[in-house]
Amino acid sequence: MAVKKTTYTDVELVKTFIKPSHITGKKFYLYIHTRPDNEDLFYIGVGTIDRGKCYYRALCHKKRNNIWHKIVRKLGAYNIFIVEESDSKEDILSREIQYIKLMGKKCNKSGTLSNLTDGGEGCNGHSSRVWTEDMRNKIREANKRRVISDETREKLRIALKKRGIINKSITNGNKETSINDRI
């Protein structure tokens, strides 16, 4: 059974989809995903309410790990609960860490959560992975060997032009240049 992917922007529609909690309209929130068949908790996350996207991260299917996707594919649906809200990012992130530690993760066989990290890195796009110098050097070497053909470069230029990204002016110090000059 395929999961219906929808972007929710209507606040009333979102409120019907999310199970009620003590929603207060704060800036940061902690949410959980539960299984509809037995109400087991399988994911804990943090999101922000900004730019009119009400609880977007709790509803979003993007940037989820394979364990999360396997569970959702198997079930076909899941429940969303907004557990806490706060104006303090630090409070919400510390609560996420506490909940993940309490519930345990599947990846290390300590619990039922599909989370891969211990939490605390949400709302900013940074992961908790520590990059060693050896890893950085391998990535640098791999990128040096990448060669973009003229044909690929032209396709990229056309795609950027269609999106309106090319032909916009950029202020470079006192000199104004076009993005076309840079590609």
N, C-alpha and C. Protein backbone atom coordinates (compact mmCIF):
# COMPACT_ATOMS: atom_id res chain seq x y z
N MET A 1 0.83 -1.17 0.00
CA MET A 1 0.00 0.00 0.00
C MET A 1 0.88 1.24 0.00
N ALA A 2 0.70 2.13 -0.96
CA ALA A 2 1.52 3.32 -1.07
C ALA A 2 1.03 4.40 -0.12
N VAL A 3 1.96 5.15 0.42
CA VAL A 3 1.62 6.24 1.32
C VAL A 3 1.34 7.47 0.48
N LYS A 4 0.23 8.14 0.75
CA LYS A 4 -0.12 9.34 0.02
C LYS A 4 0.75 10.48 0.52
N LYS A 5 1.49 11.11 -0.38
CA LYS A 5 2.36 12.21 -0.02
C LYS A 5 1.66 13.51 -0.37
N THR A 6 1.38 14.31 0.63
CA THR A 6 0.67 15.56 0.44
C THR A 6 1.39 16.64 1.23
N THR A 7 1.42 17.84 0.66
CA THR A 7 1.96 18.97 1.38
C THR A 7 0.80 19.68 2.05
N TYR A 8 0.87 19.81 3.35
CA TYR A 8 -0.20 20.46 4.09
C TYR A 8 0.19 21.89 4.41
N THR A 9 -0.57 22.84 3.88
CA THR A 9 -0.32 24.24 4.19
C THR A 9 -1.51 24.85 4.91
N ASP A 10 -2.69 24.25 4.78
CA ASP A 10 -3.88 24.75 5.43
C ASP A 10 -3.85 24.33 6.90
N VAL A 11 -3.86 25.31 7.80
CA VAL A 11 -3.72 25.04 9.23
C VAL A 11 -4.86 24.14 9.73
N GLU A 12 -6.07 24.36 9.29
CA GLU A 12 -7.20 23.54 9.74
C GLU A 12 -7.04 22.10 9.29
N LEU A 13 -6.55 21.89 8.06
CA LEU A 13 -6.32 20.53 7.56
C LEU A 13 -5.25 19.83 8.39
N VAL A 14 -4.20 20.56 8.74
CA VAL A 14 -3.12 20.00 9.57
C VAL A 14 -3.66 19.59 10.93
N LYS A 15 -4.49 20.43 11.52
CA LYS A 15 -5.03 20.12 12.84
C LYS A 15 -5.90 18.88 12.83
N THR A 16 -6.54 18.56 11.69
CA THR A 16 -7.34 17.34 11.62
C THR A 16 -6.45 16.12 11.46
N PHE A 17 -5.24 16.30 10.88
CA PHE A 17 -4.34 15.18 10.65
C PHE A 17 -3.51 14.82 11.88
N ILE A 18 -3.13 15.84 12.62
CA ILE A 18 -2.30 15.64 13.81
C ILE A 18 -3.20 15.40 15.01
N LYS A 19 -2.87 14.43 15.81
CA LYS A 19 -3.63 14.15 17.02
C LYS A 19 -3.49 15.33 17.98
N PRO A 20 -4.58 15.74 18.63
CA PRO A 20 -4.53 16.92 19.50
C PRO A 20 -3.56 16.75 20.67
N SER A 21 -2.94 17.83 21.05
CA SER A 21 -2.09 17.87 22.23
C SER A 21 -2.22 19.27 22.80
N HIS A 22 -1.32 19.66 23.66
CA HIS A 22 -1.38 21.02 24.21
C HIS A 22 -0.67 21.98 23.24
N ILE A 23 -1.26 22.14 22.05
CA ILE A 23 -0.68 22.99 21.01
C ILE A 23 -0.81 24.45 21.45
N THR A 24 0.30 25.15 21.50
CA THR A 24 0.29 26.51 22.02
C THR A 24 0.81 27.55 21.04
N GLY A 25 1.30 27.14 19.89
CA GLY A 25 1.78 28.09 18.91
C GLY A 25 3.19 28.60 19.16
N LYS A 26 4.01 27.84 19.87
CA LYS A 26 5.40 28.23 20.11
C LYS A 26 6.22 27.98 18.85
N LYS A 27 7.48 28.35 18.85
CA LYS A 27 8.31 28.28 17.65
C LYS A 27 8.88 26.89 17.37
N PHE A 28 9.31 26.15 18.39
CA PHE A 28 9.90 24.83 18.20
C PHE A 28 8.98 23.77 18.78
N TYR A 29 8.98 22.59 18.18
CA TYR A 29 8.12 21.53 18.69
C TYR A 29 8.80 20.17 18.60
N LEU A 30 8.39 19.28 19.49
CA LEU A 30 8.85 17.90 19.53
C LEU A 30 7.67 17.04 19.10
N TYR A 31 7.89 16.17 18.11
CA TYR A 31 6.80 15.33 17.62
C TYR A 31 7.21 13.87 17.64
N ILE A 32 6.21 13.00 17.64
CA ILE A 32 6.46 11.56 17.57
C ILE A 32 5.58 10.96 16.48
N HIS A 33 6.08 9.89 15.89
CA HIS A 33 5.30 9.07 14.95
C HIS A 33 5.02 7.74 15.62
N THR A 34 3.78 7.31 15.56
CA THR A 34 3.41 6.02 16.14
C THR A 34 2.74 5.15 15.09
N ARG A 35 2.78 3.86 15.33
CA ARG A 35 2.15 2.89 14.43
C ARG A 35 0.64 2.91 14.67
N PRO A 36 -0.16 2.89 13.61
CA PRO A 36 -1.61 2.90 13.80
C PRO A 36 -2.15 1.55 14.31
N ASP A 37 -1.42 0.46 14.08
CA ASP A 37 -1.93 -0.86 14.47
C ASP A 37 -1.81 -1.12 15.97
N ASN A 38 -0.69 -0.74 16.58
CA ASN A 38 -0.52 -1.01 18.01
C ASN A 38 -0.07 0.21 18.82
N GLU A 39 -0.05 1.38 18.18
CA GLU A 39 0.32 2.65 18.83
C GLU A 39 1.75 2.67 19.37
N ASP A 40 2.63 1.76 18.90
CA ASP A 40 4.03 1.79 19.31
C ASP A 40 4.72 3.01 18.70
N LEU A 41 5.55 3.63 19.49
CA LEU A 41 6.33 4.77 19.05
C LEU A 41 7.47 4.29 18.15
N PHE A 42 7.64 4.92 16.96
CA PHE A 42 8.76 4.50 16.11
C PHE A 42 9.64 5.64 15.63
N TYR A 43 9.31 6.90 15.95
CA TYR A 43 10.19 8.00 15.56
C TYR A 43 9.94 9.20 16.46
N ILE A 44 11.01 9.90 16.83
CA ILE A 44 10.93 11.14 17.60
C ILE A 44 11.71 12.19 16.83
N GLY A 45 11.12 13.37 16.66
CA GLY A 45 11.79 14.41 15.91
C GLY A 45 11.48 15.80 16.43
N VAL A 46 12.19 16.78 15.88
CA VAL A 46 12.05 18.18 16.25
C VAL A 46 11.78 18.97 14.99
N GLY A 47 10.93 19.98 15.09
CA GLY A 47 10.65 20.84 13.96
C GLY A 47 10.48 22.28 14.39
N THR A 48 10.39 23.17 13.41
CA THR A 48 10.15 24.58 13.68
C THR A 48 8.89 25.00 12.95
N ILE A 49 8.22 25.98 13.51
CA ILE A 49 7.05 26.56 12.85
C ILE A 49 7.52 27.89 12.29
N ASP A 50 7.65 27.95 10.97
CA ASP A 50 8.09 29.20 10.35
C ASP A 50 7.52 29.32 8.96
N ARG A 51 7.50 30.53 8.47
CA ARG A 51 7.04 30.86 7.11
C ARG A 51 5.70 30.22 6.77
N GLY A 52 4.81 30.11 7.73
CA GLY A 52 3.47 29.62 7.46
C GLY A 52 3.36 28.12 7.25
N LYS A 53 4.47 27.39 7.40
CA LYS A 53 4.44 25.93 7.22
C LYS A 53 4.17 25.30 8.58
N CYS A 54 2.92 25.07 8.86
CA CYS A 54 2.51 24.57 10.17
C CYS A 54 2.84 23.09 10.30
N TYR A 55 3.77 22.75 11.18
CA TYR A 55 4.18 21.37 11.47
C TYR A 55 4.65 20.63 10.21
N TYR A 56 5.33 21.32 9.34
CA TYR A 56 5.78 20.72 8.08
C TYR A 56 6.70 19.52 8.31
N ARG A 57 7.66 19.63 9.20
CA ARG A 57 8.62 18.53 9.40
C ARG A 57 7.95 17.28 9.94
N ALA A 58 6.96 17.43 10.80
CA ALA A 58 6.25 16.27 11.33
C ALA A 58 5.49 15.53 10.23
N LEU A 59 5.06 16.26 9.21
CA LEU A 59 4.28 15.67 8.11
C LEU A 59 5.13 15.20 6.95
N CYS A 60 6.35 15.70 6.85
CA CYS A 60 7.20 15.49 5.69
C CYS A 60 7.76 14.07 5.60
N HIS A 61 7.84 13.55 4.38
CA HIS A 61 8.42 12.23 4.13
C HIS A 61 9.87 12.33 3.68
N LYS A 62 10.32 13.53 3.36
CA LYS A 62 11.67 13.72 2.85
C LYS A 62 12.71 13.63 3.97
N LYS A 63 13.89 13.25 3.60
CA LYS A 63 15.05 13.16 4.50
C LYS A 63 14.76 12.27 5.72
N ARG A 64 14.15 11.13 5.45
CA ARG A 64 13.93 10.12 6.49
C ARG A 64 14.82 8.93 6.16
N ASN A 65 15.20 8.18 7.16
CA ASN A 65 16.11 7.06 6.94
C ASN A 65 15.36 5.82 6.44
N ASN A 66 16.11 4.81 6.02
CA ASN A 66 15.52 3.60 5.43
C ASN A 66 14.64 2.84 6.42
N ILE A 67 15.01 2.82 7.69
CA ILE A 67 14.19 2.11 8.69
C ILE A 67 12.81 2.77 8.77
N TRP A 68 12.78 4.09 8.82
CA TRP A 68 11.52 4.83 8.88
C TRP A 68 10.66 4.50 7.66
N HIS A 69 11.28 4.55 6.47
CA HIS A 69 10.54 4.27 5.22
C HIS A 69 10.00 2.84 5.19
N LYS A 70 10.77 1.87 5.67
CA LYS A 70 10.30 0.47 5.70
C LYS A 70 9.08 0.33 6.59
N ILE A 71 9.11 0.96 7.74
CA ILE A 71 7.96 0.89 8.66
C ILE A 71 6.73 1.51 8.02
N VAL A 72 6.88 2.70 7.43
CA VAL A 72 5.73 3.40 6.84
C VAL A 72 5.20 2.64 5.62
N ARG A 73 6.10 2.06 4.80
CA ARG A 73 5.64 1.27 3.65
C ARG A 73 4.84 0.05 4.11
N LYS A 74 5.32 -0.60 5.15
CA LYS A 74 4.66 -1.79 5.66
C LYS A 74 3.27 -1.45 6.21
N LEU A 75 3.18 -0.35 6.95
CA LEU A 75 1.92 0.03 7.60
C LEU A 75 0.97 0.79 6.69
N GLY A 76 1.53 1.56 5.78
CA GLY A 76 0.71 2.36 4.89
C GLY A 76 0.26 3.67 5.49
N ALA A 77 0.46 3.87 6.79
CA ALA A 77 0.07 5.11 7.46
C ALA A 77 0.77 5.17 8.82
N TYR A 78 0.68 6.32 9.45
CA TYR A 78 1.22 6.48 10.80
C TYR A 78 0.53 7.66 11.47
N ASN A 79 0.58 7.68 12.79
CA ASN A 79 -0.01 8.76 13.56
C ASN A 79 1.07 9.76 13.95
N ILE A 80 0.68 11.02 14.07
CA ILE A 80 1.59 12.08 14.45
C ILE A 80 1.04 12.74 15.72
N PHE A 81 1.91 12.90 16.71
CA PHE A 81 1.53 13.61 17.93
C PHE A 81 2.53 14.73 18.16
N ILE A 82 2.03 15.92 18.44
CA ILE A 82 2.90 17.01 18.87
C ILE A 82 2.99 16.89 20.39
N VAL A 83 4.16 16.56 20.89
CA VAL A 83 4.34 16.26 22.30
C VAL A 83 4.59 17.52 23.12
N GLU A 84 5.49 18.35 22.64
CA GLU A 84 5.85 19.57 23.37
C GLU A 84 6.11 20.69 22.39
N GLU A 85 5.91 21.92 22.87
CA GLU A 85 6.26 23.10 22.11
C GLU A 85 6.99 24.07 23.03
N SER A 86 7.88 24.86 22.45
CA SER A 86 8.65 25.79 23.27
C SER A 86 9.23 26.89 22.39
N ASP A 87 9.54 28.00 23.00
CA ASP A 87 10.26 29.07 22.30
C ASP A 87 11.77 28.84 22.40
N SER A 88 12.18 27.90 23.23
CA SER A 88 13.60 27.62 23.43
C SER A 88 14.02 26.37 22.64
N LYS A 89 14.92 26.58 21.68
CA LYS A 89 15.43 25.48 20.88
C LYS A 89 16.20 24.49 21.74
N GLU A 90 16.98 25.00 22.68
CA GLU A 90 17.79 24.14 23.53
C GLU A 90 16.93 23.19 24.36
N ASP A 91 15.80 23.71 24.89
CA ASP A 91 14.90 22.87 25.68
C ASP A 91 14.34 21.72 24.85
N ILE A 92 13.87 22.04 23.65
CA ILE A 92 13.27 21.02 22.79
C ILE A 92 14.32 19.98 22.39
N LEU A 93 15.52 20.42 22.03
CA LEU A 93 16.56 19.47 21.63
C LEU A 93 16.99 18.57 22.80
N SER A 94 17.06 19.13 23.98
CA SER A 94 17.42 18.30 25.13
C SER A 94 16.32 17.30 25.45
N ARG A 95 15.06 17.68 25.27
CA ARG A 95 13.94 16.75 25.48
C ARG A 95 13.98 15.63 24.44
N GLU A 96 14.34 15.97 23.20
CA GLU A 96 14.45 14.95 22.15
C GLU A 96 15.51 13.92 22.55
N ILE A 97 16.65 14.37 23.03
CA ILE A 97 17.72 13.47 23.47
C ILE A 97 17.21 12.57 24.59
N GLN A 98 16.51 13.16 25.55
CA GLN A 98 15.98 12.38 26.68
C GLN A 98 15.00 11.30 26.20
N TYR A 99 14.08 11.67 25.31
CA TYR A 99 13.09 10.71 24.81
C TYR A 99 13.75 9.57 24.03
N ILE A 100 14.71 9.91 23.17
CA ILE A 100 15.39 8.88 22.38
C ILE A 100 16.17 7.94 23.29
N LYS A 101 16.83 8.49 24.30
CA LYS A 101 17.58 7.66 25.24
C LYS A 101 16.63 6.74 26.02
N LEU A 102 15.49 7.27 26.41
CA LEU A 102 14.50 6.50 27.17
C LEU A 102 13.90 5.37 26.33
N MET A 103 13.54 5.65 25.07
CA MET A 103 12.85 4.68 24.22
C MET A 103 13.80 3.71 23.52
N GLY A 104 15.01 4.11 23.23
CA GLY A 104 15.99 3.25 22.56
C GLY A 104 15.79 3.21 21.06
N LYS A 105 16.85 2.82 20.35
CA LYS A 105 16.83 2.81 18.88
C LYS A 105 16.96 1.38 18.34
N LYS A 106 16.36 1.16 17.18
CA LYS A 106 16.45 -0.14 16.52
C LYS A 106 17.88 -0.41 16.03
N CYS A 107 18.56 0.63 15.57
CA CYS A 107 19.87 0.44 14.96
C CYS A 107 20.90 -0.14 15.93
N ASN A 108 20.74 0.11 17.22
CA ASN A 108 21.65 -0.50 18.19
C ASN A 108 20.93 -1.50 19.10
N LYS A 109 19.75 -1.92 18.65
CA LYS A 109 18.96 -2.97 19.33
C LYS A 109 18.62 -2.62 20.78
N SER A 110 18.39 -1.34 21.04
CA SER A 110 18.05 -0.93 22.40
C SER A 110 16.59 -0.51 22.55
N GLY A 111 15.85 -0.49 21.42
CA GLY A 111 14.45 -0.06 21.49
C GLY A 111 13.74 -0.15 20.17
N THR A 112 12.64 0.62 20.04
CA THR A 112 11.78 0.54 18.85
C THR A 112 11.91 1.71 17.90
N LEU A 113 12.71 2.71 18.22
CA LEU A 113 12.79 3.92 17.39
C LEU A 113 13.61 3.70 16.12
N SER A 114 13.16 4.33 15.03
CA SER A 114 13.91 4.27 13.77
C SER A 114 14.97 5.37 13.70
N ASN A 115 15.05 6.22 14.71
CA ASN A 115 16.07 7.27 14.73
C ASN A 115 17.46 6.64 14.67
N LEU A 116 18.36 7.27 13.91
CA LEU A 116 19.73 6.77 13.79
C LEU A 116 20.68 7.50 14.72
N THR A 117 20.33 8.73 15.09
CA THR A 117 21.21 9.51 15.98
C THR A 117 20.60 9.58 17.38
N ASP A 118 21.36 10.15 18.31
CA ASP A 118 20.88 10.30 19.67
C ASP A 118 20.04 11.56 19.85
N GLY A 119 19.83 12.32 18.76
CA GLY A 119 19.03 13.53 18.83
C GLY A 119 19.87 14.74 19.18
N GLY A 120 19.19 15.88 19.23
CA GLY A 120 19.86 17.11 19.62
C GLY A 120 20.46 17.90 18.47
N GLU A 121 20.40 17.38 17.26
CA GLU A 121 20.99 18.11 16.14
C GLU A 121 19.93 18.68 15.21
N GLY A 122 18.67 18.55 15.54
CA GLY A 122 17.56 18.95 14.68
C GLY A 122 17.48 20.45 14.46
N CYS A 123 16.60 20.83 13.55
CA CYS A 123 16.28 22.23 13.27
C CYS A 123 17.40 23.01 12.59
N ASN A 124 18.52 22.39 12.28
CA ASN A 124 19.58 23.17 11.66
C ASN A 124 20.28 22.41 10.53
N GLY A 125 19.87 21.19 10.25
CA GLY A 125 20.42 20.45 9.14
C GLY A 125 21.76 19.82 9.38
N HIS A 126 22.33 19.95 10.56
CA HIS A 126 23.63 19.35 10.85
C HIS A 126 23.44 17.98 11.45
N SER A 127 24.26 17.05 11.04
CA SER A 127 24.16 15.72 11.62
C SER A 127 25.18 15.58 12.75
N SER A 128 25.05 14.52 13.50
CA SER A 128 25.97 14.33 14.62
C SER A 128 27.22 13.57 14.20
N ARG A 129 27.39 13.33 12.90
CA ARG A 129 28.56 12.62 12.42
C ARG A 129 29.81 13.47 12.59
N VAL A 130 30.86 12.86 13.07
CA VAL A 130 32.15 13.54 13.22
C VAL A 130 33.02 13.12 12.05
N TRP A 131 33.47 14.10 11.27
CA TRP A 131 34.28 13.81 10.10
C TRP A 131 35.74 13.80 10.49
N THR A 132 36.40 12.67 10.24
CA THR A 132 37.83 12.59 10.50
C THR A 132 38.58 13.21 9.33
N GLU A 133 39.82 13.53 9.57
CA GLU A 133 40.62 14.13 8.50
C GLU A 133 40.80 13.15 7.34
N ASP A 134 40.90 11.85 7.65
CA ASP A 134 41.02 10.83 6.62
C ASP A 134 39.78 10.81 5.72
N MET A 135 38.60 10.91 6.32
CA MET A 135 37.36 10.93 5.54
C MET A 135 37.32 12.17 4.64
N ARG A 136 37.70 13.31 5.20
CA ARG A 136 37.71 14.55 4.42
C ARG A 136 38.67 14.46 3.23
N ASN A 137 39.84 13.86 3.44
CA ASN A 137 40.81 13.72 2.35
C ASN A 137 40.28 12.80 1.25
N LYS A 138 39.60 11.71 1.63
CA LYS A 138 39.02 10.81 0.63
C LYS A 138 37.97 11.53 -0.22
N ILE A 139 37.16 12.34 0.41
CA ILE A 139 36.14 13.09 -0.32
C ILE A 139 36.79 14.11 -1.25
N ARG A 140 37.83 14.80 -0.77
CA ARG A 140 38.54 15.77 -1.61
C ARG A 140 39.13 15.10 -2.85
N GLU A 141 39.77 13.94 -2.66
CA GLU A 141 40.37 13.22 -3.78
C GLU A 141 39.32 12.76 -4.78
N ALA A 142 38.20 12.26 -4.28
CA ALA A 142 37.12 11.81 -5.17
C ALA A 142 36.57 12.98 -5.97
N ASN A 143 36.44 14.14 -5.36
CA ASN A 143 35.91 15.31 -6.06
C ASN A 143 36.90 15.85 -7.08
N LYS A 144 38.21 15.68 -6.85
CA LYS A 144 39.21 16.13 -7.82
C LYS A 144 39.12 15.32 -9.11
N ARG A 145 38.74 14.04 -8.99
CA ARG A 145 38.67 13.17 -10.17
C ARG A 145 37.39 13.36 -10.97
N ARG A 146 36.41 14.09 -10.38
CA ARG A 146 35.15 14.31 -11.09
C ARG A 146 35.37 15.25 -12.25
N VAL A 147 34.91 14.84 -13.41
CA VAL A 147 35.03 15.67 -14.60
C VAL A 147 33.64 15.88 -15.16
N ILE A 148 33.28 17.14 -15.38
CA ILE A 148 31.99 17.45 -15.96
C ILE A 148 32.21 17.74 -17.43
N SER A 149 31.51 16.99 -18.28
CA SER A 149 31.68 17.18 -19.72
C SER A 149 31.03 18.49 -20.15
N ASP A 150 31.43 18.96 -21.32
CA ASP A 150 30.85 20.19 -21.86
C ASP A 150 29.35 20.03 -22.09
N GLU A 151 28.94 18.82 -22.50
CA GLU A 151 27.52 18.54 -22.74
C GLU A 151 26.72 18.66 -21.43
N THR A 152 27.24 18.10 -20.37
CA THR A 152 26.57 18.18 -19.06
C THR A 152 26.54 19.61 -18.56
N ARG A 153 27.65 20.33 -18.75
CA ARG A 153 27.72 21.73 -18.34
C ARG A 153 26.67 22.57 -19.08
N GLU A 154 26.47 22.29 -20.37
CA GLU A 154 25.47 23.01 -21.17
C GLU A 154 24.05 22.68 -20.71
N LYS A 155 23.79 21.41 -20.41
CA LYS A 155 22.47 21.00 -19.90
C LYS A 155 22.17 21.70 -18.57
N LEU A 156 23.18 21.78 -17.71
CA LEU A 156 23.02 22.45 -16.43
C LEU A 156 22.72 23.94 -16.63
N ARG A 157 23.45 24.58 -17.57
CA ARG A 157 23.23 26.00 -17.85
C ARG A 157 21.81 26.24 -18.34
N ILE A 158 21.30 25.36 -19.22
CA ILE A 158 19.93 25.49 -19.75
C ILE A 158 18.90 25.31 -18.64
N ALA A 159 19.12 24.33 -17.79
CA ALA A 159 18.18 24.08 -16.68
C ALA A 159 18.15 25.26 -15.72
N LEU A 160 19.32 25.83 -15.41
CA LEU A 160 19.37 26.98 -14.51
C LEU A 160 18.72 28.20 -15.15
N LYS A 161 18.87 28.35 -16.45
CA LYS A 161 18.25 29.47 -17.15
C LYS A 161 16.73 29.35 -17.12
N LYS A 162 16.21 28.11 -17.32
CA LYS A 162 14.77 27.89 -17.28
C LYS A 162 14.19 28.22 -15.91
N ARG A 163 14.93 27.93 -14.86
CA ARG A 163 14.46 28.22 -13.50
C ARG A 163 14.59 29.69 -13.13
N GLY A 164 15.24 30.46 -13.99
CA GLY A 164 15.41 31.88 -13.70
C GLY A 164 16.57 32.18 -12.79
N ILE A 165 17.44 31.19 -12.58
CA ILE A 165 18.59 31.39 -11.69
C ILE A 165 19.69 32.14 -12.43
N ILE A 166 19.85 31.85 -13.72
CA ILE A 166 20.83 32.56 -14.54
C ILE A 166 20.19 33.85 -15.03
N ASN A 167 20.99 34.84 -15.28
CA ASN A 167 20.59 36.17 -15.75
C ASN A 167 20.16 37.07 -14.62
N LYS A 168 20.31 36.64 -13.36
CA LYS A 168 20.08 37.53 -12.23
C LYS A 168 21.41 38.20 -11.92
N SER A 169 21.35 39.45 -11.54
CA SER A 169 22.57 40.18 -11.22
C SER A 169 23.02 39.88 -9.81
N ILE A 170 24.32 39.82 -9.64
CA ILE A 170 24.92 39.61 -8.34
C ILE A 170 25.84 40.79 -8.07
N THR A 171 25.74 41.36 -6.90
CA THR A 171 26.64 42.44 -6.53
C THR A 171 27.90 41.80 -5.96
N ASN A 172 29.01 42.03 -6.64
CA ASN A 172 30.29 41.47 -6.23
C ASN A 172 31.20 42.64 -5.85
N GLY A 173 31.14 43.03 -4.59
CA GLY A 173 31.87 44.23 -4.18
C GLY A 173 31.17 45.43 -4.77
N ASN A 174 31.88 46.24 -5.55
CA ASN A 174 31.30 47.39 -6.23
C ASN A 174 30.90 47.03 -7.65
N LYS A 175 31.32 45.88 -8.13
CA LYS A 175 31.09 45.48 -9.51
C LYS A 175 29.86 44.57 -9.58
N GLU A 176 28.96 44.86 -10.53
CA GLU A 176 27.78 44.03 -10.69
C GLU A 176 28.03 43.08 -11.86
N THR A 177 27.89 41.77 -11.62
CA THR A 177 28.12 40.78 -12.65
C THR A 177 26.90 39.90 -12.80
N SER A 178 26.82 39.25 -13.93
CA SER A 178 25.74 38.31 -14.18
C SER A 178 26.22 36.91 -13.80
N ILE A 179 25.30 36.06 -13.40
CA ILE A 179 25.67 34.67 -13.08
C ILE A 179 26.19 33.99 -14.33
N ASN A 180 25.73 34.42 -15.52
CA ASN A 180 26.21 33.84 -16.78
C ASN A 180 27.72 33.97 -16.90
N ASP A 181 28.26 35.08 -16.40
CA ASP A 181 29.71 35.30 -16.50
C ASP A 181 30.49 34.32 -15.64
N ARG A 182 29.82 33.77 -14.61
CA ARG A 182 30.51 32.89 -13.68
C ARG A 182 30.48 31.43 -14.12
N ILE A 183 29.54 31.05 -14.98
CA ILE A 183 29.41 29.64 -15.40
C ILE A 183 30.24 29.35 -16.61
